Amino acid sequence: MIGAPTPTAPINPNYPTGDITSFIEEFNQPKQDMNLDIAEGLDSLEPFDDAPSGKLDTTTTRAAASAGGRMIAAVIDTTLPMTLGMIAKESPEEFKATDSQREELEAALTEYMALRGDDIPPGVMVMILVLTIYGSQVPHALALRKQNLRQEQLDQREEELARREKELKQKIKELKKEEEEDEA
């Protein structure tokens, strides 16, 4: 029921309930000797019977490599045509791979990833994706910068011309006024 008091859970004695001092004291107490000679290293330890072997079966590896290959191919076939389209000032669709070319790219990337054991570190994959996606924006950004600088120059020239036109009209008024005064 809403608003009813909730029962409090009993305190588990295995959880720390003290302050930092009690924690440090407990931490500094002697620990159980594991009879492990550091000089022997980890080579002397036997693996657990139920521990995984560290290798995936080939179908799992191939499926993961195939998924990775398709993803990388999709990113490449999206960003590179966009970059080429910006450079050429054409539609990116003109630079996209055909279905057969894309299948070849996916197959090559899948084979690469399968041979590598699908061992592309996530950090490297993220870096590749970031560089691919945002690297393709560089030509567009440079073109926009150039266009904006030209527009700024045009705006400045327009303001300068408007100022000169205003000064010229003022001078013409003054000359007409002087001319009228001289005639009178």
N, C-alpha and C. Protein backbone atom coordinates (compact mmCIF):
# COMPACT_ATOMS: atom_id res chain seq x y z
N MET A 1 0.85 -1.17 0.00
CA MET A 1 0.00 0.00 0.00
C MET A 1 0.90 1.24 0.00
N ILE A 2 0.48 2.25 -0.72
CA ILE A 2 1.26 3.47 -0.83
C ILE A 2 1.22 4.19 0.51
N GLY A 3 2.37 4.63 0.94
CA GLY A 3 2.46 5.37 2.19
C GLY A 3 2.67 4.48 3.40
N ALA A 4 2.58 3.17 3.24
CA ALA A 4 2.78 2.26 4.37
C ALA A 4 4.27 2.16 4.65
N PRO A 5 4.63 2.01 5.91
CA PRO A 5 6.06 1.90 6.23
C PRO A 5 6.63 0.61 5.63
N THR A 6 7.85 0.71 5.10
CA THR A 6 8.49 -0.46 4.51
C THR A 6 9.37 -1.10 5.56
N PRO A 7 9.38 -2.41 5.61
CA PRO A 7 10.23 -3.08 6.61
C PRO A 7 11.69 -2.88 6.23
N THR A 8 12.53 -2.72 7.22
CA THR A 8 13.95 -2.54 6.96
C THR A 8 14.61 -3.89 6.85
N ALA A 9 15.55 -4.00 5.97
CA ALA A 9 16.26 -5.25 5.77
C ALA A 9 17.25 -5.45 6.89
N PRO A 10 17.47 -6.69 7.32
CA PRO A 10 18.45 -6.93 8.37
C PRO A 10 19.85 -6.61 7.86
N ILE A 11 20.70 -6.17 8.74
CA ILE A 11 22.07 -5.81 8.36
C ILE A 11 22.86 -7.08 8.14
N ASN A 12 23.49 -7.16 6.97
CA ASN A 12 24.31 -8.32 6.63
C ASN A 12 25.68 -8.11 7.26
N PRO A 13 26.14 -9.03 8.11
CA PRO A 13 27.44 -8.82 8.79
C PRO A 13 28.62 -8.93 7.83
N ASN A 14 28.41 -9.43 6.59
CA ASN A 14 29.52 -9.55 5.64
C ASN A 14 29.82 -8.23 4.94
N TYR A 15 28.93 -7.24 5.06
CA TYR A 15 29.15 -5.96 4.43
C TYR A 15 29.84 -5.02 5.42
N PRO A 16 30.69 -4.15 4.92
CA PRO A 16 31.36 -3.22 5.85
C PRO A 16 30.35 -2.23 6.41
N THR A 17 30.42 -2.05 7.72
CA THR A 17 29.51 -1.10 8.36
C THR A 17 30.28 -0.05 9.14
N GLY A 18 31.61 -0.17 9.17
CA GLY A 18 32.40 0.77 9.97
C GLY A 18 32.88 1.94 9.17
N ASP A 19 33.82 2.66 9.76
CA ASP A 19 34.40 3.82 9.09
C ASP A 19 35.69 3.43 8.40
N ILE A 20 36.39 4.40 7.87
CA ILE A 20 37.61 4.14 7.10
C ILE A 20 38.70 3.53 7.98
N THR A 21 38.74 3.91 9.22
CA THR A 21 39.77 3.38 10.12
C THR A 21 39.59 1.87 10.30
N SER A 22 38.36 1.44 10.53
CA SER A 22 38.13 0.00 10.70
C SER A 22 38.42 -0.74 9.40
N PHE A 23 38.13 -0.13 8.28
CA PHE A 23 38.43 -0.75 7.00
C PHE A 23 39.93 -0.93 6.83
N ILE A 24 40.72 0.09 7.16
CA ILE A 24 42.17 0.01 7.01
C ILE A 24 42.74 -1.04 7.96
N GLU A 25 42.23 -1.10 9.17
CA GLU A 25 42.70 -2.10 10.12
C GLU A 25 42.43 -3.50 9.59
N GLU A 26 41.23 -3.72 9.07
CA GLU A 26 40.89 -5.03 8.52
C GLU A 26 41.74 -5.34 7.29
N PHE A 27 41.98 -4.34 6.49
CA PHE A 27 42.77 -4.52 5.27
C PHE A 27 44.20 -4.90 5.61
N ASN A 28 44.74 -4.34 6.69
CA ASN A 28 46.13 -4.58 7.07
C ASN A 28 46.34 -5.90 7.80
N GLN A 29 45.30 -6.60 8.18
CA GLN A 29 45.45 -7.88 8.87
C GLN A 29 46.08 -8.89 7.93
N PRO A 30 46.84 -9.83 8.46
CA PRO A 30 47.46 -10.86 7.61
C PRO A 30 46.39 -11.67 6.88
N LYS A 31 46.71 -11.99 5.66
CA LYS A 31 45.78 -12.74 4.82
C LYS A 31 46.20 -14.20 4.76
N GLN A 32 45.33 -15.03 4.21
CA GLN A 32 45.60 -16.45 4.08
C GLN A 32 46.72 -16.66 3.09
N ASP A 33 47.68 -17.51 3.42
CA ASP A 33 48.79 -17.82 2.53
C ASP A 33 48.29 -18.76 1.45
N MET A 34 48.48 -18.41 0.22
CA MET A 34 48.00 -19.22 -0.90
C MET A 34 49.05 -20.23 -1.37
N ASN A 35 50.20 -20.29 -0.70
CA ASN A 35 51.29 -21.21 -1.07
C ASN A 35 51.69 -21.05 -2.53
N LEU A 36 51.73 -19.83 -2.97
CA LEU A 36 52.09 -19.54 -4.36
C LEU A 36 53.41 -18.80 -4.35
N ASP A 37 54.39 -19.41 -4.93
CA ASP A 37 55.69 -18.77 -5.02
C ASP A 37 55.64 -17.81 -6.19
N ILE A 38 55.93 -16.56 -5.92
CA ILE A 38 55.84 -15.54 -6.97
C ILE A 38 56.82 -15.84 -8.09
N ALA A 39 57.94 -16.44 -7.77
CA ALA A 39 58.91 -16.75 -8.81
C ALA A 39 58.36 -17.76 -9.81
N GLU A 40 57.44 -18.63 -9.36
CA GLU A 40 56.86 -19.61 -10.27
C GLU A 40 55.97 -18.94 -11.30
N GLY A 41 55.34 -17.85 -10.91
CA GLY A 41 54.46 -17.14 -11.82
C GLY A 41 53.13 -17.84 -11.97
N LEU A 42 52.39 -17.40 -12.89
CA LEU A 42 51.06 -17.94 -13.12
C LEU A 42 51.08 -19.23 -13.91
N ASP A 43 52.24 -19.60 -14.45
CA ASP A 43 52.32 -20.83 -15.24
C ASP A 43 52.03 -22.06 -14.40
N SER A 44 52.30 -21.97 -13.09
CA SER A 44 52.08 -23.12 -12.24
C SER A 44 50.60 -23.33 -11.90
N LEU A 45 49.77 -22.34 -12.16
CA LEU A 45 48.36 -22.48 -11.86
C LEU A 45 47.69 -23.33 -12.93
N GLU A 46 46.82 -24.21 -12.50
CA GLU A 46 46.10 -25.05 -13.45
C GLU A 46 44.77 -24.39 -13.77
N PRO A 47 44.36 -24.46 -15.04
CA PRO A 47 43.07 -23.84 -15.39
C PRO A 47 41.92 -24.65 -14.82
N PHE A 48 40.81 -23.96 -14.64
CA PHE A 48 39.60 -24.63 -14.19
C PHE A 48 39.12 -25.55 -15.29
N ASP A 49 38.46 -26.62 -14.90
CA ASP A 49 37.94 -27.55 -15.89
C ASP A 49 36.80 -26.94 -16.69
N ASP A 50 36.01 -26.07 -16.03
CA ASP A 50 34.86 -25.50 -16.71
C ASP A 50 35.15 -24.15 -17.35
N ALA A 51 36.41 -23.74 -17.36
CA ALA A 51 36.76 -22.45 -17.96
C ALA A 51 36.73 -22.58 -19.48
N PRO A 52 36.28 -21.52 -20.17
CA PRO A 52 36.27 -21.59 -21.64
C PRO A 52 37.68 -21.65 -22.18
N SER A 53 37.83 -22.23 -23.33
CA SER A 53 39.16 -22.44 -23.90
C SER A 53 39.76 -21.15 -24.44
N GLY A 54 38.97 -20.10 -24.56
CA GLY A 54 39.49 -18.85 -25.09
C GLY A 54 39.26 -18.71 -26.57
N LYS A 55 38.83 -19.79 -27.22
CA LYS A 55 38.57 -19.74 -28.65
C LYS A 55 37.09 -20.00 -28.88
N LEU A 56 36.55 -19.28 -29.83
CA LEU A 56 35.16 -19.51 -30.22
C LEU A 56 35.15 -20.51 -31.36
N ASP A 57 34.08 -21.21 -31.49
CA ASP A 57 34.01 -22.12 -32.62
C ASP A 57 33.99 -21.31 -33.91
N THR A 58 34.28 -21.97 -35.01
CA THR A 58 34.45 -21.24 -36.27
C THR A 58 33.16 -20.62 -36.76
N THR A 59 32.01 -21.21 -36.46
CA THR A 59 30.75 -20.61 -36.93
C THR A 59 30.48 -19.32 -36.18
N THR A 60 30.77 -19.28 -34.89
CA THR A 60 30.57 -18.04 -34.11
C THR A 60 31.53 -16.96 -34.60
N THR A 61 32.78 -17.35 -34.82
CA THR A 61 33.78 -16.39 -35.29
C THR A 61 33.40 -15.87 -36.68
N ARG A 62 32.97 -16.76 -37.55
CA ARG A 62 32.60 -16.37 -38.91
C ARG A 62 31.38 -15.45 -38.89
N ALA A 63 30.40 -15.75 -38.01
CA ALA A 63 29.20 -14.91 -37.92
C ALA A 63 29.56 -13.52 -37.41
N ALA A 64 30.43 -13.45 -36.40
CA ALA A 64 30.85 -12.15 -35.87
C ALA A 64 31.64 -11.38 -36.92
N ALA A 65 32.51 -12.08 -37.64
CA ALA A 65 33.29 -11.43 -38.69
C ALA A 65 32.38 -10.93 -39.81
N SER A 66 31.38 -11.72 -40.15
CA SER A 66 30.44 -11.32 -41.20
C SER A 66 29.66 -10.07 -40.79
N ALA A 67 29.21 -10.06 -39.54
CA ALA A 67 28.47 -8.88 -39.04
C ALA A 67 29.39 -7.65 -39.05
N GLY A 68 30.62 -7.82 -38.60
CA GLY A 68 31.57 -6.70 -38.60
C GLY A 68 31.88 -6.24 -40.00
N GLY A 69 32.05 -7.19 -40.93
CA GLY A 69 32.32 -6.84 -42.33
C GLY A 69 31.18 -6.06 -42.95
N ARG A 70 29.94 -6.48 -42.67
CA ARG A 70 28.78 -5.77 -43.22
C ARG A 70 28.71 -4.36 -42.65
N MET A 71 28.99 -4.22 -41.34
CA MET A 71 28.91 -2.90 -40.71
C MET A 71 29.96 -1.96 -41.29
N ILE A 72 31.18 -2.44 -41.39
CA ILE A 72 32.25 -1.58 -41.92
C ILE A 72 31.96 -1.23 -43.39
N ALA A 73 31.48 -2.20 -44.16
CA ALA A 73 31.16 -1.93 -45.56
C ALA A 73 30.05 -0.88 -45.67
N ALA A 74 29.07 -0.95 -44.79
CA ALA A 74 27.98 0.04 -44.81
C ALA A 74 28.50 1.43 -44.50
N VAL A 75 29.39 1.52 -43.52
CA VAL A 75 29.96 2.83 -43.16
C VAL A 75 30.78 3.38 -44.30
N ILE A 76 31.60 2.53 -44.88
CA ILE A 76 32.44 2.96 -46.00
C ILE A 76 31.58 3.40 -47.18
N ASP A 77 30.54 2.60 -47.50
CA ASP A 77 29.70 2.91 -48.66
C ASP A 77 28.77 4.10 -48.41
N THR A 78 28.70 4.57 -47.19
CA THR A 78 27.91 5.77 -46.91
C THR A 78 28.79 7.02 -46.89
N THR A 79 29.90 6.93 -46.18
CA THR A 79 30.71 8.13 -45.97
C THR A 79 31.60 8.49 -47.16
N LEU A 80 32.22 7.51 -47.78
CA LEU A 80 33.09 7.84 -48.91
C LEU A 80 32.32 8.42 -50.09
N PRO A 81 31.16 7.87 -50.48
CA PRO A 81 30.41 8.53 -51.56
C PRO A 81 29.98 9.95 -51.18
N MET A 82 29.67 10.16 -49.90
CA MET A 82 29.28 11.51 -49.47
C MET A 82 30.47 12.47 -49.65
N THR A 83 31.65 12.01 -49.26
CA THR A 83 32.85 12.85 -49.40
C THR A 83 33.14 13.13 -50.88
N LEU A 84 33.08 12.09 -51.68
CA LEU A 84 33.35 12.28 -53.11
C LEU A 84 32.30 13.18 -53.75
N GLY A 85 31.05 13.04 -53.32
CA GLY A 85 29.99 13.90 -53.83
C GLY A 85 30.22 15.36 -53.48
N MET A 86 30.69 15.61 -52.26
CA MET A 86 30.97 16.99 -51.85
C MET A 86 32.13 17.57 -52.65
N ILE A 87 33.14 16.76 -52.85
CA ILE A 87 34.29 17.24 -53.62
C ILE A 87 33.89 17.56 -55.05
N ALA A 88 33.11 16.65 -55.65
CA ALA A 88 32.71 16.83 -57.05
C ALA A 88 31.49 17.73 -57.20
N LYS A 89 30.86 18.10 -56.08
CA LYS A 89 29.64 18.88 -56.08
C LYS A 89 28.55 18.16 -56.89
N GLU A 90 28.47 16.86 -56.66
CA GLU A 90 27.49 16.00 -57.31
C GLU A 90 26.76 15.21 -56.23
N SER A 91 25.77 14.47 -56.64
CA SER A 91 25.01 13.63 -55.73
C SER A 91 25.88 12.46 -55.26
N PRO A 92 25.83 12.15 -53.96
CA PRO A 92 26.62 11.01 -53.46
C PRO A 92 26.19 9.68 -54.08
N GLU A 93 24.95 9.61 -54.55
CA GLU A 93 24.45 8.36 -55.14
C GLU A 93 25.28 7.92 -56.35
N GLU A 94 25.88 8.89 -57.05
CA GLU A 94 26.68 8.55 -58.22
C GLU A 94 27.96 7.81 -57.85
N PHE A 95 28.38 7.91 -56.60
CA PHE A 95 29.64 7.32 -56.17
C PHE A 95 29.46 6.07 -55.30
N LYS A 96 28.22 5.67 -55.05
CA LYS A 96 27.97 4.48 -54.25
C LYS A 96 28.39 3.23 -55.01
N ALA A 97 28.78 2.21 -54.27
CA ALA A 97 29.17 0.94 -54.87
C ALA A 97 27.94 0.22 -55.40
N THR A 98 28.14 -0.52 -56.47
CA THR A 98 27.05 -1.35 -56.98
C THR A 98 26.85 -2.51 -56.02
N ASP A 99 25.77 -3.25 -56.19
CA ASP A 99 25.50 -4.38 -55.30
C ASP A 99 26.64 -5.40 -55.32
N SER A 100 27.16 -5.69 -56.50
CA SER A 100 28.24 -6.67 -56.59
C SER A 100 29.53 -6.14 -55.95
N GLN A 101 29.81 -4.85 -56.15
CA GLN A 101 30.99 -4.26 -55.53
C GLN A 101 30.88 -4.27 -54.01
N ARG A 102 29.68 -3.98 -53.53
CA ARG A 102 29.46 -3.97 -52.08
C ARG A 102 29.60 -5.38 -51.51
N GLU A 103 29.08 -6.38 -52.22
CA GLU A 103 29.22 -7.76 -51.77
C GLU A 103 30.69 -8.17 -51.71
N GLU A 104 31.47 -7.75 -52.72
CA GLU A 104 32.91 -8.05 -52.73
C GLU A 104 33.60 -7.38 -51.54
N LEU A 105 33.23 -6.13 -51.26
CA LEU A 105 33.81 -5.41 -50.13
C LEU A 105 33.45 -6.10 -48.81
N GLU A 106 32.19 -6.50 -48.66
CA GLU A 106 31.77 -7.20 -47.45
C GLU A 106 32.52 -8.51 -47.30
N ALA A 107 32.67 -9.26 -48.41
CA ALA A 107 33.38 -10.54 -48.36
C ALA A 107 34.83 -10.34 -47.97
N ALA A 108 35.48 -9.32 -48.54
CA ALA A 108 36.88 -9.06 -48.21
C ALA A 108 37.03 -8.65 -46.74
N LEU A 109 36.15 -7.80 -46.28
CA LEU A 109 36.22 -7.38 -44.88
C LEU A 109 35.90 -8.54 -43.93
N THR A 110 34.94 -9.38 -44.31
CA THR A 110 34.61 -10.55 -43.49
C THR A 110 35.80 -11.49 -43.42
N GLU A 111 36.45 -11.74 -44.54
CA GLU A 111 37.61 -12.62 -44.56
C GLU A 111 38.75 -12.04 -43.72
N TYR A 112 38.96 -10.75 -43.84
CA TYR A 112 40.00 -10.09 -43.05
C TYR A 112 39.73 -10.26 -41.56
N MET A 113 38.48 -10.00 -41.17
CA MET A 113 38.15 -10.08 -39.75
C MET A 113 38.20 -11.52 -39.25
N ALA A 114 37.84 -12.50 -40.10
CA ALA A 114 37.92 -13.91 -39.71
C ALA A 114 39.37 -14.34 -39.55
N LEU A 115 40.24 -13.88 -40.46
CA LEU A 115 41.65 -14.23 -40.35
C LEU A 115 42.30 -13.59 -39.12
N ARG A 116 41.86 -12.41 -38.81
CA ARG A 116 42.39 -11.73 -37.63
C ARG A 116 41.77 -12.27 -36.35
N GLY A 117 40.80 -13.14 -36.48
CA GLY A 117 40.14 -13.68 -35.30
C GLY A 117 39.15 -12.70 -34.72
N ASP A 118 38.60 -11.83 -35.55
CA ASP A 118 37.66 -10.80 -35.09
C ASP A 118 38.29 -10.02 -33.95
N ASP A 119 39.57 -9.69 -34.15
CA ASP A 119 40.34 -9.10 -33.06
C ASP A 119 40.57 -7.62 -33.28
N ILE A 120 39.59 -6.92 -33.81
CA ILE A 120 39.72 -5.47 -33.93
C ILE A 120 39.26 -4.88 -32.60
N PRO A 121 40.16 -4.21 -31.88
CA PRO A 121 39.78 -3.66 -30.58
C PRO A 121 38.66 -2.63 -30.73
N PRO A 122 37.76 -2.59 -29.76
CA PRO A 122 36.64 -1.64 -29.84
C PRO A 122 37.10 -0.20 -29.97
N GLY A 123 38.16 0.17 -29.30
CA GLY A 123 38.67 1.54 -29.40
C GLY A 123 39.10 1.88 -30.80
N VAL A 124 39.74 0.93 -31.47
CA VAL A 124 40.17 1.15 -32.86
C VAL A 124 38.95 1.27 -33.76
N MET A 125 37.94 0.41 -33.52
CA MET A 125 36.72 0.45 -34.33
C MET A 125 36.02 1.80 -34.17
N VAL A 126 35.93 2.29 -32.94
CA VAL A 126 35.31 3.59 -32.70
C VAL A 126 36.11 4.69 -33.41
N MET A 127 37.42 4.62 -33.31
CA MET A 127 38.26 5.63 -33.96
C MET A 127 38.07 5.60 -35.48
N ILE A 128 38.00 4.41 -36.06
CA ILE A 128 37.78 4.29 -37.50
C ILE A 128 36.44 4.91 -37.88
N LEU A 129 35.40 4.58 -37.11
CA LEU A 129 34.07 5.12 -37.41
C LEU A 129 34.04 6.64 -37.29
N VAL A 130 34.65 7.17 -36.24
CA VAL A 130 34.66 8.62 -36.04
C VAL A 130 35.41 9.30 -37.18
N LEU A 131 36.58 8.78 -37.52
CA LEU A 131 37.35 9.39 -38.61
C LEU A 131 36.63 9.26 -39.95
N THR A 132 35.99 8.14 -40.16
CA THR A 132 35.28 7.95 -41.42
C THR A 132 34.09 8.89 -41.53
N ILE A 133 33.31 8.98 -40.46
CA ILE A 133 32.10 9.80 -40.50
C ILE A 133 32.44 11.28 -40.53
N TYR A 134 33.28 11.72 -39.60
CA TYR A 134 33.56 13.15 -39.51
C TYR A 134 34.67 13.59 -40.45
N GLY A 135 35.55 12.68 -40.84
CA GLY A 135 36.57 13.02 -41.81
C GLY A 135 35.97 13.37 -43.15
N SER A 136 34.84 12.74 -43.46
CA SER A 136 34.18 13.04 -44.73
C SER A 136 33.54 14.42 -44.71
N GLN A 137 33.38 15.01 -43.56
CA GLN A 137 32.78 16.34 -43.46
C GLN A 137 33.81 17.46 -43.68
N VAL A 138 35.10 17.12 -43.67
CA VAL A 138 36.15 18.13 -43.80
C VAL A 138 36.03 18.91 -45.12
N PRO A 139 35.91 18.26 -46.27
CA PRO A 139 35.79 19.04 -47.50
C PRO A 139 34.57 19.97 -47.51
N HIS A 140 33.48 19.47 -46.96
CA HIS A 140 32.26 20.29 -46.88
C HIS A 140 32.49 21.50 -45.97
N ALA A 141 33.14 21.27 -44.84
CA ALA A 141 33.42 22.38 -43.91
C ALA A 141 34.35 23.41 -44.56
N LEU A 142 35.36 22.94 -45.29
CA LEU A 142 36.27 23.86 -45.97
C LEU A 142 35.55 24.67 -47.04
N ALA A 143 34.66 24.02 -47.77
CA ALA A 143 33.90 24.74 -48.80
C ALA A 143 32.97 25.77 -48.16
N LEU A 144 32.33 25.40 -47.05
CA LEU A 144 31.46 26.35 -46.35
C LEU A 144 32.26 27.53 -45.79
N ARG A 145 33.44 27.25 -45.27
CA ARG A 145 34.29 28.33 -44.75
C ARG A 145 34.64 29.30 -45.85
N LYS A 146 35.04 28.77 -47.00
CA LYS A 146 35.40 29.62 -48.13
C LYS A 146 34.20 30.46 -48.57
N GLN A 147 33.04 29.83 -48.63
CA GLN A 147 31.82 30.54 -49.02
C GLN A 147 31.47 31.62 -48.00
N ASN A 148 31.59 31.31 -46.72
CA ASN A 148 31.27 32.29 -45.68
C ASN A 148 32.24 33.47 -45.69
N LEU A 149 33.53 33.19 -45.96
CA LEU A 149 34.50 34.28 -46.06
C LEU A 149 34.17 35.19 -47.25
N ARG A 150 33.80 34.61 -48.36
CA ARG A 150 33.41 35.42 -49.52
C ARG A 150 32.17 36.25 -49.22
N GLN A 151 31.21 35.64 -48.52
CA GLN A 151 30.00 36.37 -48.17
C GLN A 151 30.32 37.53 -47.23
N GLU A 152 31.23 37.31 -46.29
CA GLU A 152 31.66 38.40 -45.40
C GLU A 152 32.28 39.54 -46.19
N GLN A 153 33.14 39.20 -47.15
CA GLN A 153 33.77 40.23 -47.97
C GLN A 153 32.73 40.98 -48.80
N LEU A 154 31.77 40.26 -49.35
CA LEU A 154 30.71 40.91 -50.12
C LEU A 154 29.87 41.83 -49.22
N ASP A 155 29.56 41.37 -48.02
CA ASP A 155 28.78 42.20 -47.08
C ASP A 155 29.55 43.47 -46.72
N GLN A 156 30.87 43.34 -46.51
CA GLN A 156 31.68 44.52 -46.20
C GLN A 156 31.71 45.49 -47.37
N ARG A 157 31.86 44.95 -48.58
CA ARG A 157 31.87 45.81 -49.77
C ARG A 157 30.53 46.50 -49.96
N GLU A 158 29.47 45.74 -49.70
CA GLU A 158 28.12 46.31 -49.83
C GLU A 158 27.93 47.45 -48.83
N GLU A 159 28.38 47.25 -47.60
CA GLU A 159 28.27 48.31 -46.59
C GLU A 159 29.09 49.53 -46.99
N GLU A 160 30.29 49.27 -47.50
CA GLU A 160 31.16 50.36 -47.95
C GLU A 160 30.51 51.13 -49.10
N LEU A 161 29.94 50.42 -50.05
CA LEU A 161 29.25 51.08 -51.18
C LEU A 161 28.03 51.86 -50.70
N ALA A 162 27.28 51.31 -49.76
CA ALA A 162 26.11 52.02 -49.22
C ALA A 162 26.56 53.29 -48.50
N ARG A 163 27.66 53.22 -47.76
CA ARG A 163 28.19 54.39 -47.07
C ARG A 163 28.65 55.44 -48.07
N ARG A 164 29.36 55.01 -49.12
CA ARG A 164 29.82 55.95 -50.16
C ARG A 164 28.64 56.58 -50.90
N GLU A 165 27.62 55.76 -51.18
CA GLU A 165 26.44 56.28 -51.88
C GLU A 165 25.76 57.34 -51.02
N LYS A 166 25.67 57.08 -49.74
CA LYS A 166 25.05 58.05 -48.82
C LYS A 166 25.87 59.35 -48.80
N GLU A 167 27.20 59.23 -48.72
CA GLU A 167 28.07 60.40 -48.74
C GLU A 167 27.93 61.17 -50.05
N LEU A 168 27.85 60.43 -51.15
CA LEU A 168 27.71 61.06 -52.46
C LEU A 168 26.40 61.83 -52.57
N LYS A 169 25.30 61.23 -52.08
CA LYS A 169 24.01 61.92 -52.10
C LYS A 169 24.06 63.17 -51.24
N GLN A 170 24.74 63.07 -50.11
CA GLN A 170 24.87 64.23 -49.23
C GLN A 170 25.67 65.33 -49.93
N LYS A 171 26.75 64.97 -50.62
CA LYS A 171 27.56 65.94 -51.35
C LYS A 171 26.75 66.60 -52.46
N ILE A 172 25.93 65.78 -53.17
CA ILE A 172 25.10 66.33 -54.25
C ILE A 172 24.11 67.34 -53.68
N LYS A 173 23.50 67.02 -52.55
CA LYS A 173 22.56 67.95 -51.89
C LYS A 173 23.27 69.24 -51.52
N GLU A 174 24.47 69.09 -50.96
CA GLU A 174 25.22 70.28 -50.55
C GLU A 174 25.58 71.13 -51.78
N LEU A 175 26.00 70.49 -52.87
CA LEU A 175 26.35 71.22 -54.09
C LEU A 175 25.13 71.92 -54.68
N LYS A 176 23.97 71.25 -54.68
CA LYS A 176 22.75 71.87 -55.20
C LYS A 176 22.36 73.05 -54.32
N LYS A 177 22.52 72.89 -53.02
CA LYS A 177 22.17 73.96 -52.09
C LYS A 177 23.08 75.16 -52.32
N GLU A 178 24.40 74.90 -52.50
CA GLU A 178 25.34 75.97 -52.77
C GLU A 178 25.02 76.65 -54.10
N GLU A 179 24.65 75.86 -55.09
CA GLU A 179 24.31 76.37 -56.39
C GLU A 179 23.09 77.27 -56.33
N GLU A 180 22.09 76.85 -55.55
CA GLU A 180 20.86 77.64 -55.39
C GLU A 180 21.19 78.95 -54.65
N GLU A 181 22.07 78.89 -53.68
CA GLU A 181 22.43 80.09 -52.93
C GLU A 181 23.22 81.06 -53.84
N ASP A 182 24.08 80.51 -54.72
CA ASP A 182 24.84 81.35 -55.62
C ASP A 182 23.93 82.03 -56.65
N GLU A 183 22.88 81.36 -57.08
CA GLU A 183 21.95 81.91 -58.06
C GLU A 183 21.06 82.97 -57.43
N ALA A 184 20.83 82.84 -56.16
CA ALA A 184 19.92 83.76 -55.50
C ALA A 184 20.60 85.01 -55.08
